[in-house]
């Protein structure tokens, strides 16, 4: 028989309750559409492509958590055209290479949350999460103390990753397989 250990994450129950009762704040404008109007440094945008961009997650699960987001405001991947979908996946691949060089993680979680039931915080604008993982990075601090320990500030991580993304502009990163 297989036993499953269950870890309680109290902050998720509040989110789930708000979703099921329809109490989440409805913003007038999309944060992902608005953020691209800011400077890269102000918005923590690592890379601007033709149809998508890469940005630091301001509420990261882990150090180095980035998101790949299309400029076009669509709720799901089936609404993306082939060019957008291809560029998103290319930027996921490039981001993995960059994060491996800069942060040396042991693995990655890559995901798309489609809809509220799937946990999408911004359900109206599709995006891909790329989350670096290290052996032992999951601990009981969030449960016991309500705290997630990140060894590096988001802006510090941005400053570490940004030069690697600037190499993408000159295509030097594409020379490696």
N, C-alpha and C. Protein backbone atom coordinates (compact mmCIF):
# COMPACT_ATOMS: atom_id res chain seq x y z
N UNK A 1 0.84 -1.18 0.00
CA UNK A 1 0.00 0.00 0.00
C UNK A 1 0.89 1.24 0.00
N UNK A 2 0.50 2.23 -0.76
CA UNK A 2 1.24 3.48 -0.86
C UNK A 2 0.66 4.51 0.11
N UNK A 3 1.52 5.12 0.90
CA UNK A 3 1.09 6.15 1.84
C UNK A 3 1.44 7.51 1.29
N UNK A 4 0.56 8.42 1.45
CA UNK A 4 0.75 9.78 0.98
C UNK A 4 0.85 10.71 2.17
N UNK A 5 1.95 11.42 2.27
CA UNK A 5 2.09 12.43 3.31
C UNK A 5 1.39 13.70 2.85
N UNK A 6 0.58 14.26 3.69
CA UNK A 6 -0.15 15.47 3.36
C UNK A 6 0.43 16.64 4.16
N UNK A 7 0.77 17.70 3.44
CA UNK A 7 1.27 18.90 4.09
C UNK A 7 0.20 19.97 3.93
N UNK A 8 -0.18 20.57 5.02
CA UNK A 8 -1.21 21.59 5.00
C UNK A 8 -0.60 22.94 4.64
N UNK A 9 -1.17 23.60 3.67
CA UNK A 9 -0.74 24.93 3.27
C UNK A 9 -1.90 25.89 3.51
N UNK A 10 -1.96 26.50 4.69
CA UNK A 10 -3.12 27.30 5.08
C UNK A 10 -3.44 28.47 4.15
N UNK A 11 -2.44 29.07 3.52
CA UNK A 11 -2.70 30.21 2.64
C UNK A 11 -3.48 29.79 1.40
N UNK A 12 -3.38 28.52 1.00
CA UNK A 12 -4.12 28.04 -0.16
C UNK A 12 -5.61 27.95 0.12
N UNK A 13 -6.00 27.62 1.35
CA UNK A 13 -7.43 27.49 1.65
C UNK A 13 -8.14 28.83 1.50
N UNK A 14 -7.48 29.93 1.86
CA UNK A 14 -8.07 31.27 1.68
C UNK A 14 -8.28 31.53 0.19
N UNK A 15 -7.28 31.21 -0.63
CA UNK A 15 -7.38 31.41 -2.07
C UNK A 15 -8.52 30.57 -2.64
N UNK A 16 -8.59 29.30 -2.25
CA UNK A 16 -9.62 28.40 -2.76
C UNK A 16 -11.01 28.90 -2.37
N UNK A 17 -11.15 29.35 -1.13
CA UNK A 17 -12.45 29.87 -0.67
C UNK A 17 -12.85 31.10 -1.48
N UNK A 18 -11.92 32.01 -1.71
CA UNK A 18 -12.23 33.21 -2.49
C UNK A 18 -12.62 32.85 -3.92
N UNK A 19 -11.94 31.87 -4.49
CA UNK A 19 -12.25 31.45 -5.85
C UNK A 19 -13.64 30.84 -5.92
N UNK A 20 -13.94 29.92 -5.02
CA UNK A 20 -15.24 29.23 -5.07
C UNK A 20 -16.39 30.17 -4.76
N UNK A 21 -16.15 31.20 -3.97
CA UNK A 21 -17.21 32.15 -3.63
C UNK A 21 -17.19 33.37 -4.56
N UNK A 22 -16.25 33.40 -5.51
CA UNK A 22 -16.17 34.52 -6.45
C UNK A 22 -15.81 35.84 -5.80
N UNK A 23 -15.01 35.78 -4.73
CA UNK A 23 -14.68 37.00 -3.97
C UNK A 23 -13.32 37.59 -4.33
N UNK A 24 -12.65 37.04 -5.32
CA UNK A 24 -11.35 37.60 -5.65
C UNK A 24 -11.51 38.98 -6.27
N UNK A 25 -10.55 39.83 -6.00
CA UNK A 25 -10.59 41.18 -6.55
C UNK A 25 -10.54 41.13 -8.07
N UNK A 26 -11.40 41.88 -8.68
CA UNK A 26 -11.39 42.00 -10.14
C UNK A 26 -10.66 43.30 -10.47
N UNK A 27 -9.54 43.18 -11.13
CA UNK A 27 -8.77 44.36 -11.49
C UNK A 27 -9.30 44.91 -12.81
N UNK A 28 -9.22 46.22 -12.95
CA UNK A 28 -9.71 46.86 -14.16
C UNK A 28 -8.81 46.54 -15.36
N UNK A 29 -7.52 46.40 -15.13
CA UNK A 29 -6.60 46.12 -16.22
C UNK A 29 -5.73 44.93 -15.87
N UNK A 30 -5.18 44.33 -16.88
CA UNK A 30 -4.34 43.14 -16.71
C UNK A 30 -2.92 43.56 -16.32
N UNK A 31 -2.43 42.99 -15.25
CA UNK A 31 -1.09 43.33 -14.77
C UNK A 31 -0.02 42.98 -15.80
N UNK A 32 -0.22 41.88 -16.55
CA UNK A 32 0.78 41.47 -17.55
C UNK A 32 0.75 42.38 -18.78
N UNK A 33 -0.39 42.98 -19.07
CA UNK A 33 -0.47 43.95 -20.18
C UNK A 33 0.10 45.30 -19.76
N UNK A 34 -0.05 45.65 -18.49
CA UNK A 34 0.42 46.94 -17.99
C UNK A 34 1.92 46.96 -17.72
N UNK A 35 2.46 45.85 -17.23
CA UNK A 35 3.86 45.83 -16.80
C UNK A 35 4.83 46.06 -17.96
N UNK A 36 4.45 45.66 -19.18
CA UNK A 36 5.35 45.83 -20.32
C UNK A 36 5.53 47.30 -20.71
N UNK A 37 4.69 48.17 -20.17
CA UNK A 37 4.82 49.61 -20.44
C UNK A 37 5.92 50.25 -19.60
N UNK A 38 6.39 49.53 -18.58
CA UNK A 38 7.44 50.03 -17.70
C UNK A 38 8.82 49.68 -18.26
N UNK A 39 9.85 50.27 -17.68
CA UNK A 39 11.22 49.93 -18.08
C UNK A 39 11.54 48.51 -17.60
N UNK A 40 12.51 47.89 -18.24
CA UNK A 40 12.91 46.53 -17.84
C UNK A 40 13.30 46.48 -16.38
N UNK A 41 14.11 47.44 -15.96
CA UNK A 41 14.60 47.44 -14.57
C UNK A 41 13.46 47.65 -13.57
N UNK A 42 12.57 48.54 -13.88
CA UNK A 42 11.44 48.82 -12.97
C UNK A 42 10.51 47.61 -12.86
N UNK A 43 10.25 46.95 -13.98
CA UNK A 43 9.30 45.83 -14.01
C UNK A 43 9.98 44.48 -13.80
N UNK A 44 11.31 44.47 -13.75
CA UNK A 44 12.09 43.23 -13.64
C UNK A 44 11.89 42.33 -14.85
N UNK A 45 11.80 42.95 -16.03
CA UNK A 45 11.69 42.21 -17.29
C UNK A 45 13.10 41.82 -17.71
N UNK A 46 13.31 40.55 -17.90
CA UNK A 46 14.63 40.02 -18.25
C UNK A 46 14.87 40.04 -19.76
N UNK A 47 13.81 39.85 -20.54
CA UNK A 47 13.96 39.74 -21.99
C UNK A 47 12.65 40.11 -22.67
N UNK A 48 12.76 40.86 -23.77
CA UNK A 48 11.60 41.20 -24.60
C UNK A 48 11.81 40.59 -25.98
N UNK A 49 10.97 39.64 -26.33
CA UNK A 49 11.03 39.03 -27.65
C UNK A 49 10.04 39.69 -28.59
N UNK A 50 9.79 39.04 -29.73
CA UNK A 50 8.87 39.59 -30.71
C UNK A 50 7.42 39.48 -30.27
N UNK A 51 7.06 38.34 -29.66
CA UNK A 51 5.66 38.14 -29.26
C UNK A 51 5.51 37.80 -27.78
N UNK A 52 6.63 37.65 -27.07
CA UNK A 52 6.59 37.26 -25.65
C UNK A 52 7.72 37.94 -24.89
N UNK A 53 7.60 37.91 -23.57
CA UNK A 53 8.66 38.46 -22.72
C UNK A 53 8.88 37.55 -21.52
N UNK A 54 10.05 37.73 -20.87
CA UNK A 54 10.41 36.96 -19.68
C UNK A 54 10.54 37.95 -18.53
N UNK A 55 9.92 37.61 -17.40
CA UNK A 55 9.89 38.51 -16.25
C UNK A 55 10.10 37.72 -14.97
N UNK A 56 10.71 38.37 -13.98
CA UNK A 56 10.83 37.76 -12.65
C UNK A 56 9.44 37.69 -12.02
N UNK A 57 9.16 36.63 -11.29
CA UNK A 57 7.91 36.54 -10.53
C UNK A 57 8.11 37.31 -9.23
N UNK A 58 7.26 38.28 -8.97
CA UNK A 58 7.39 39.09 -7.75
C UNK A 58 7.03 38.32 -6.49
N UNK A 59 6.31 37.20 -6.65
CA UNK A 59 5.93 36.35 -5.52
C UNK A 59 6.44 34.94 -5.80
N UNK A 60 7.77 34.77 -5.80
CA UNK A 60 8.36 33.52 -6.27
C UNK A 60 8.15 32.34 -5.32
N UNK A 61 8.03 31.16 -5.92
CA UNK A 61 8.03 29.92 -5.14
C UNK A 61 9.45 29.62 -4.69
N UNK A 62 10.43 30.06 -5.48
CA UNK A 62 11.84 29.81 -5.22
C UNK A 62 12.67 30.92 -5.86
N UNK A 63 13.91 31.04 -5.45
CA UNK A 63 14.84 31.97 -6.08
C UNK A 63 14.95 31.61 -7.56
N UNK A 64 14.87 32.61 -8.43
CA UNK A 64 15.00 32.38 -9.86
C UNK A 64 13.70 32.06 -10.57
N UNK A 65 12.57 32.12 -9.87
CA UNK A 65 11.26 31.84 -10.47
C UNK A 65 10.94 32.93 -11.49
N UNK A 66 10.82 32.53 -12.75
CA UNK A 66 10.51 33.48 -13.82
C UNK A 66 9.21 33.06 -14.50
N UNK A 67 8.68 33.97 -15.31
CA UNK A 67 7.49 33.66 -16.11
C UNK A 67 7.73 34.09 -17.55
N UNK A 68 7.22 33.29 -18.48
CA UNK A 68 7.25 33.62 -19.91
C UNK A 68 5.81 33.98 -20.29
N UNK A 69 5.64 35.18 -20.85
CA UNK A 69 4.30 35.73 -21.05
C UNK A 69 4.17 36.29 -22.47
N UNK A 70 3.09 35.95 -23.19
CA UNK A 70 2.88 36.59 -24.49
C UNK A 70 2.41 38.03 -24.30
N UNK A 71 2.74 38.89 -25.25
CA UNK A 71 2.24 40.27 -25.18
C UNK A 71 0.73 40.29 -25.37
N UNK A 72 0.25 39.42 -26.25
CA UNK A 72 -1.17 39.39 -26.56
C UNK A 72 -1.95 38.84 -25.37
N UNK A 73 -3.04 39.48 -25.06
CA UNK A 73 -3.88 39.15 -23.91
C UNK A 73 -4.84 38.01 -24.29
N UNK A 74 -4.45 36.78 -23.95
CA UNK A 74 -5.30 35.61 -24.20
C UNK A 74 -5.30 34.73 -22.95
N UNK A 75 -6.41 34.04 -22.67
CA UNK A 75 -6.52 33.27 -21.43
C UNK A 75 -5.91 31.87 -21.46
N UNK A 76 -5.63 31.33 -22.64
CA UNK A 76 -5.21 29.94 -22.69
C UNK A 76 -4.33 29.67 -23.90
N UNK A 77 -3.57 28.59 -23.84
CA UNK A 77 -2.64 28.28 -24.93
C UNK A 77 -3.34 28.00 -26.25
N UNK A 78 -4.59 27.53 -26.21
CA UNK A 78 -5.26 27.25 -27.48
C UNK A 78 -5.61 28.52 -28.25
N UNK A 79 -5.49 29.68 -27.60
CA UNK A 79 -5.73 30.96 -28.26
C UNK A 79 -4.46 31.57 -28.85
N UNK A 80 -3.32 30.97 -28.57
CA UNK A 80 -2.06 31.48 -29.10
C UNK A 80 -1.88 31.03 -30.54
N UNK A 81 -1.25 31.87 -31.35
CA UNK A 81 -0.92 31.41 -32.70
C UNK A 81 0.40 30.65 -32.65
N UNK A 82 0.76 30.02 -33.75
CA UNK A 82 1.95 29.16 -33.79
C UNK A 82 3.22 29.93 -33.45
N UNK A 83 3.32 31.17 -33.91
CA UNK A 83 4.51 31.99 -33.64
C UNK A 83 4.66 32.27 -32.15
N UNK A 84 3.56 32.64 -31.50
CA UNK A 84 3.59 32.92 -30.07
C UNK A 84 3.94 31.67 -29.27
N UNK A 85 3.31 30.57 -29.62
CA UNK A 85 3.55 29.32 -28.90
C UNK A 85 5.00 28.87 -29.05
N UNK A 86 5.53 28.97 -30.27
CA UNK A 86 6.92 28.59 -30.51
C UNK A 86 7.87 29.48 -29.71
N UNK A 87 7.64 30.79 -29.75
CA UNK A 87 8.54 31.69 -29.02
C UNK A 87 8.46 31.44 -27.51
N UNK A 88 7.27 31.18 -27.00
CA UNK A 88 7.15 30.88 -25.57
C UNK A 88 8.00 29.68 -25.19
N UNK A 89 7.91 28.61 -25.97
CA UNK A 89 8.68 27.41 -25.65
C UNK A 89 10.18 27.63 -25.84
N UNK A 90 10.56 28.41 -26.85
CA UNK A 90 11.98 28.74 -27.02
C UNK A 90 12.49 29.53 -25.82
N UNK A 91 11.67 30.44 -25.31
CA UNK A 91 12.09 31.23 -24.14
C UNK A 91 12.13 30.40 -22.87
N UNK A 92 11.28 29.39 -22.77
CA UNK A 92 11.37 28.45 -21.65
C UNK A 92 12.70 27.72 -21.72
N UNK A 93 13.04 27.22 -22.91
CA UNK A 93 14.30 26.49 -23.10
C UNK A 93 15.51 27.39 -22.78
N UNK A 94 15.50 28.61 -23.30
CA UNK A 94 16.60 29.55 -23.05
C UNK A 94 16.68 29.87 -21.56
N UNK A 95 15.53 30.07 -20.93
CA UNK A 95 15.51 30.40 -19.50
C UNK A 95 16.09 29.28 -18.66
N UNK A 96 15.80 28.05 -19.02
CA UNK A 96 16.37 26.91 -18.30
C UNK A 96 17.90 26.93 -18.42
N UNK A 97 18.40 27.15 -19.64
CA UNK A 97 19.86 27.23 -19.84
C UNK A 97 20.48 28.33 -18.99
N UNK A 98 19.85 29.50 -19.01
CA UNK A 98 20.37 30.65 -18.26
C UNK A 98 20.35 30.39 -16.77
N UNK A 99 19.24 29.89 -16.27
CA UNK A 99 19.12 29.64 -14.83
C UNK A 99 20.10 28.55 -14.39
N UNK A 100 20.32 27.55 -15.24
CA UNK A 100 21.33 26.52 -14.92
C UNK A 100 22.71 27.15 -14.77
N UNK A 101 23.07 28.04 -15.72
CA UNK A 101 24.38 28.71 -15.66
C UNK A 101 24.51 29.60 -14.43
N UNK A 102 23.47 30.37 -14.16
CA UNK A 102 23.55 31.40 -13.12
C UNK A 102 23.31 30.87 -11.71
N UNK A 103 22.42 29.89 -11.56
CA UNK A 103 22.00 29.47 -10.22
C UNK A 103 22.29 28.00 -9.90
N UNK A 104 22.59 27.21 -10.93
CA UNK A 104 22.93 25.80 -10.75
C UNK A 104 21.90 25.00 -9.94
N UNK A 105 20.62 25.03 -10.35
CA UNK A 105 19.61 24.25 -9.63
C UNK A 105 19.75 22.76 -9.92
N UNK A 106 19.09 21.95 -9.11
CA UNK A 106 19.09 20.50 -9.30
C UNK A 106 17.98 20.04 -10.24
N UNK A 107 17.00 20.89 -10.47
CA UNK A 107 15.88 20.55 -11.34
C UNK A 107 14.98 21.75 -11.55
N UNK A 108 13.86 21.52 -12.23
CA UNK A 108 12.91 22.59 -12.54
C UNK A 108 11.48 22.08 -12.46
N UNK A 109 10.58 22.98 -12.10
CA UNK A 109 9.15 22.78 -12.32
C UNK A 109 8.78 23.78 -13.41
N UNK A 110 8.05 23.31 -14.41
CA UNK A 110 7.56 24.17 -15.49
C UNK A 110 6.07 23.96 -15.56
N UNK A 111 5.29 25.05 -15.53
CA UNK A 111 3.86 24.85 -15.53
C UNK A 111 3.04 26.01 -16.03
N UNK A 112 1.83 25.66 -16.47
CA UNK A 112 0.82 26.62 -16.90
C UNK A 112 -0.45 26.30 -16.12
N UNK A 113 -0.96 27.27 -15.38
CA UNK A 113 -2.20 27.08 -14.64
C UNK A 113 -3.32 27.73 -15.44
N UNK A 114 -4.20 26.92 -16.01
CA UNK A 114 -5.29 27.44 -16.84
C UNK A 114 -6.58 27.45 -16.04
N UNK A 115 -7.05 28.63 -15.68
CA UNK A 115 -8.30 28.78 -14.95
C UNK A 115 -8.11 28.83 -13.45
N UNK A 116 -9.12 29.35 -12.78
CA UNK A 116 -9.07 29.48 -11.32
C UNK A 116 -8.93 28.15 -10.63
N UNK A 117 -9.65 27.15 -11.11
CA UNK A 117 -9.61 25.83 -10.46
C UNK A 117 -8.21 25.24 -10.49
N UNK A 118 -7.42 25.62 -11.48
CA UNK A 118 -6.04 25.13 -11.59
C UNK A 118 -5.06 25.96 -10.79
N UNK A 119 -5.53 27.03 -10.18
CA UNK A 119 -4.66 27.86 -9.35
C UNK A 119 -4.11 29.09 -10.03
N UNK A 120 -4.65 29.45 -11.19
CA UNK A 120 -4.16 30.64 -11.90
C UNK A 120 -4.46 31.90 -11.10
N UNK A 121 -3.42 32.65 -10.79
CA UNK A 121 -3.60 33.92 -10.10
C UNK A 121 -4.04 35.01 -11.07
N UNK A 122 -3.56 34.94 -12.30
CA UNK A 122 -3.97 35.85 -13.37
C UNK A 122 -4.51 34.96 -14.48
N UNK A 123 -5.76 34.58 -14.34
CA UNK A 123 -6.33 33.58 -15.25
C UNK A 123 -6.64 34.11 -16.64
N UNK A 124 -6.76 35.43 -16.79
CA UNK A 124 -7.15 35.98 -18.08
C UNK A 124 -5.98 36.17 -19.05
N UNK A 125 -4.74 35.95 -18.58
CA UNK A 125 -3.57 36.14 -19.44
C UNK A 125 -2.62 34.95 -19.23
N UNK A 126 -2.58 34.07 -20.20
CA UNK A 126 -1.78 32.84 -20.08
C UNK A 126 -0.30 33.17 -19.87
N UNK A 127 0.37 32.34 -19.10
CA UNK A 127 1.81 32.51 -18.85
C UNK A 127 2.38 31.17 -18.37
N UNK A 128 3.67 31.00 -18.58
CA UNK A 128 4.37 29.77 -18.18
C UNK A 128 5.31 30.11 -17.02
N UNK A 129 5.20 29.32 -15.96
CA UNK A 129 6.11 29.45 -14.82
C UNK A 129 7.31 28.54 -15.04
N UNK A 130 8.50 29.04 -14.78
CA UNK A 130 9.73 28.24 -14.76
C UNK A 130 10.32 28.44 -13.37
N UNK A 131 10.31 27.35 -12.59
CA UNK A 131 10.72 27.42 -11.19
C UNK A 131 11.92 26.51 -10.96
N UNK A 132 13.11 27.08 -10.70
CA UNK A 132 14.26 26.24 -10.37
C UNK A 132 14.06 25.57 -9.01
N UNK A 133 14.58 24.34 -8.89
CA UNK A 133 14.43 23.58 -7.65
C UNK A 133 15.79 23.03 -7.22
N UNK A 134 15.97 22.92 -5.92
CA UNK A 134 17.17 22.35 -5.32
C UNK A 134 16.75 21.25 -4.38
N UNK A 135 17.58 20.22 -4.30
CA UNK A 135 17.31 19.15 -3.35
C UNK A 135 17.23 19.78 -1.97
N UNK A 136 16.16 19.49 -1.26
CA UNK A 136 15.99 20.01 0.09
C UNK A 136 15.37 21.40 0.16
N UNK A 137 14.92 21.96 -0.98
CA UNK A 137 14.37 23.32 -0.91
C UNK A 137 12.95 23.37 -0.34
N UNK A 138 12.30 22.23 -0.27
CA UNK A 138 10.97 22.18 0.35
C UNK A 138 11.16 21.82 1.83
N UNK A 139 10.72 22.69 2.70
CA UNK A 139 10.86 22.43 4.12
C UNK A 139 9.58 22.82 4.84
N UNK A 140 9.59 22.76 6.13
CA UNK A 140 8.38 23.02 6.90
C UNK A 140 8.24 24.46 7.38
N UNK A 141 9.14 25.35 6.99
CA UNK A 141 9.03 26.75 7.43
C UNK A 141 7.70 27.39 7.03
N UNK A 142 7.22 27.19 5.79
CA UNK A 142 5.93 27.79 5.45
C UNK A 142 4.78 27.27 6.31
N UNK A 143 4.87 26.04 6.73
CA UNK A 143 3.81 25.44 7.53
C UNK A 143 3.93 25.86 9.00
N UNK A 144 5.13 25.73 9.55
CA UNK A 144 5.34 26.01 10.97
C UNK A 144 5.30 27.50 11.27
N UNK A 145 5.97 28.30 10.44
CA UNK A 145 6.11 29.73 10.74
C UNK A 145 5.36 30.64 9.77
N UNK A 146 4.75 30.06 8.74
CA UNK A 146 4.08 30.89 7.75
C UNK A 146 5.06 31.72 6.94
N UNK A 147 6.29 31.21 6.77
CA UNK A 147 7.37 31.95 6.12
C UNK A 147 8.01 31.07 5.05
N UNK A 148 8.27 31.64 3.88
CA UNK A 148 9.04 30.96 2.84
C UNK A 148 10.40 31.61 2.81
N UNK A 149 11.44 30.83 3.01
CA UNK A 149 12.79 31.37 3.04
C UNK A 149 13.37 31.34 1.63
N UNK A 150 13.72 32.52 1.13
CA UNK A 150 14.39 32.64 -0.16
C UNK A 150 15.77 33.22 0.12
N UNK A 151 16.82 32.55 -0.35
CA UNK A 151 18.16 33.00 -0.02
C UNK A 151 18.60 34.26 -0.75
N UNK A 152 17.77 34.74 -1.69
CA UNK A 152 18.18 35.89 -2.47
C UNK A 152 16.95 36.76 -2.78
N UNK A 153 17.12 38.07 -2.70
CA UNK A 153 16.07 39.02 -3.05
C UNK A 153 15.77 38.94 -4.54
N UNK A 154 14.52 39.18 -4.93
CA UNK A 154 14.11 39.10 -6.33
C UNK A 154 14.93 40.04 -7.20
N UNK A 155 15.19 41.25 -6.73
CA UNK A 155 15.98 42.20 -7.52
C UNK A 155 17.43 41.72 -7.67
N UNK A 156 17.97 41.11 -6.62
CA UNK A 156 19.32 40.54 -6.69
C UNK A 156 19.38 39.46 -7.76
N UNK A 157 18.37 38.60 -7.77
CA UNK A 157 18.31 37.53 -8.77
C UNK A 157 18.17 38.12 -10.17
N UNK A 158 17.34 39.15 -10.31
CA UNK A 158 17.19 39.85 -11.59
C UNK A 158 18.54 40.35 -12.08
N UNK A 159 19.30 41.01 -11.21
CA UNK A 159 20.61 41.54 -11.58
C UNK A 159 21.59 40.44 -11.96
N UNK A 160 21.43 39.27 -11.38
CA UNK A 160 22.28 38.13 -11.71
C UNK A 160 21.90 37.54 -13.08
N UNK A 161 20.61 37.44 -13.36
CA UNK A 161 20.14 36.81 -14.60
C UNK A 161 20.17 37.73 -15.81
N UNK A 162 19.95 39.01 -15.62
CA UNK A 162 19.81 39.96 -16.73
C UNK A 162 20.96 39.92 -17.73
N UNK A 163 22.23 39.88 -17.31
CA UNK A 163 23.32 39.81 -18.29
C UNK A 163 23.24 38.58 -19.20
N UNK A 164 22.77 37.47 -18.68
CA UNK A 164 22.62 36.27 -19.50
C UNK A 164 21.55 36.48 -20.57
N UNK A 165 20.46 37.13 -20.21
CA UNK A 165 19.40 37.41 -21.19
C UNK A 165 19.87 38.43 -22.22
N UNK A 166 20.77 39.32 -21.83
CA UNK A 166 21.33 40.28 -22.79
C UNK A 166 22.15 39.55 -23.85
N UNK A 167 22.75 38.42 -23.49
CA UNK A 167 23.47 37.59 -24.46
C UNK A 167 22.52 37.05 -25.51
N UNK A 168 21.28 36.79 -25.13
CA UNK A 168 20.28 36.29 -26.08
C UNK A 168 20.08 37.31 -27.18
N UNK A 169 20.12 38.59 -26.83
CA UNK A 169 19.95 39.66 -27.82
C UNK A 169 21.02 39.57 -28.91
N UNK A 170 22.23 39.15 -28.54
CA UNK A 170 23.31 39.04 -29.52
C UNK A 170 23.45 37.62 -30.06
N UNK A 171 22.52 36.76 -29.67
CA UNK A 171 22.44 35.38 -30.14
C UNK A 171 23.58 34.48 -29.70
N UNK A 172 24.44 34.92 -28.77
CA UNK A 172 25.55 34.07 -28.36
C UNK A 172 25.07 32.84 -27.61
N UNK A 173 23.94 32.93 -26.93
CA UNK A 173 23.46 31.77 -26.18
C UNK A 173 22.94 30.68 -27.12
N UNK A 174 22.52 31.07 -28.34
CA UNK A 174 22.00 30.09 -29.29
C UNK A 174 23.10 29.23 -29.89
N UNK A 175 24.35 29.68 -29.78
CA UNK A 175 25.46 28.93 -30.35
C UNK A 175 25.71 27.64 -29.60
N UNK A 176 25.23 27.56 -28.36
CA UNK A 176 25.38 26.35 -27.56
C UNK A 176 24.14 25.48 -27.74
N UNK A 177 24.31 24.18 -27.69
CA UNK A 177 23.15 23.29 -27.80
C UNK A 177 22.53 23.04 -26.47
